Amino acid sequence: MAKRQAATPANDVDAESGKGSSLNFKVDAEFKKEFKGFAVAQGISMTDLLKEGYALSKKERQK
């Protein structure tokens, strides 16, 4: 399977300095409410939940 590597935009350098970088995308209100509620119930931030979900998805898809 070929691997793709995205170019790193200049503003992603902020993520390395600890400032972070914003992901801007729209989700419907019900999904946001459910996502936030699940994160709160797990005692983690929405950002950490997103990162964890991404890591799990990436691991699964690279099998």
Protein backbone atom coordinates (compact mmCIF):
# COMPACT_ATOMS: atom_id res chain seq x y z
CA MET A 1 0.00 0.00 0.00
CA ALA A 2 1.44 3.38 -0.96
CA LYS A 3 1.82 5.90 1.80
CA ARG A 4 0.95 9.55 1.33
CA GLN A 5 2.80 12.27 3.11
CA ALA A 6 1.16 15.66 3.31
CA ALA A 7 3.21 18.81 2.97
CA THR A 8 3.57 20.69 6.24
CA PRO A 9 2.03 24.15 5.99
CA ALA A 10 4.02 26.98 7.55
CA ASN A 11 1.41 27.56 10.28
CA ASP A 12 1.85 24.01 11.60
CA VAL A 13 5.20 25.10 13.01
CA ASP A 14 3.14 26.62 15.85
CA ALA A 15 2.13 23.11 16.92
CA GLU A 16 5.76 22.26 17.58
CA SER A 17 6.23 25.35 19.76
CA GLY A 18 3.27 24.37 21.95
CA LYS A 19 0.89 27.02 20.62
CA GLY A 20 -1.14 24.51 18.63
CA SER A 21 -2.86 24.83 15.31
CA SER A 22 -6.57 24.97 14.60
CA LEU A 23 -8.59 22.40 12.69
CA ASN A 24 -11.65 24.09 11.22
CA PHE A 25 -14.50 21.88 10.09
CA LYS A 26 -18.24 21.80 10.57
CA VAL A 27 -20.23 19.04 12.26
CA ASP A 28 -23.93 19.04 13.04
CA ALA A 29 -25.04 20.19 16.46
CA GLU A 30 -26.18 16.73 17.58
CA PHE A 31 -22.80 15.16 16.76
CA LYS A 32 -20.96 17.92 18.66
CA LYS A 33 -23.21 17.46 21.68
CA GLU A 34 -22.70 13.68 21.67
CA PHE A 35 -18.93 13.98 21.08
CA LYS A 36 -18.50 16.52 23.88
CA GLY A 37 -20.68 14.49 26.24
CA PHE A 38 -18.65 11.36 25.56
CA ALA A 39 -15.36 13.21 26.13
CA VAL A 40 -16.65 14.63 29.43
CA ALA A 41 -17.87 11.19 30.53
CA GLN A 42 -14.38 9.81 29.82
CA GLY A 43 -12.74 12.68 31.67
CA ILE A 44 -10.75 13.87 28.65
CA SER A 45 -10.84 16.88 26.37
CA MET A 46 -12.50 16.84 22.97
CA THR A 47 -9.05 17.35 21.46
CA ASP A 48 -7.64 14.31 23.24
CA LEU A 49 -10.65 12.24 22.15
CA LEU A 50 -10.11 13.32 18.54
CA LYS A 51 -6.40 12.47 18.72
CA GLU A 52 -7.15 9.07 20.27
CA GLY A 53 -9.76 8.30 17.64
CA TYR A 54 -7.35 9.28 14.88
CA ALA A 55 -4.60 7.07 16.31
CA LEU A 56 -6.97 4.09 16.53
CA SER A 57 -8.27 4.64 13.00
CA LYS A 58 -4.77 5.01 11.60
CA LYS A 59 -3.62 1.82 13.32
CA GLU A 60 -6.63 -0.12 12.02
CA ARG A 61 -6.30 1.13 8.44
CA GLN A 62 -2.58 0.31 8.23
CA LYS A 63 -3.16 -3.43 8.78
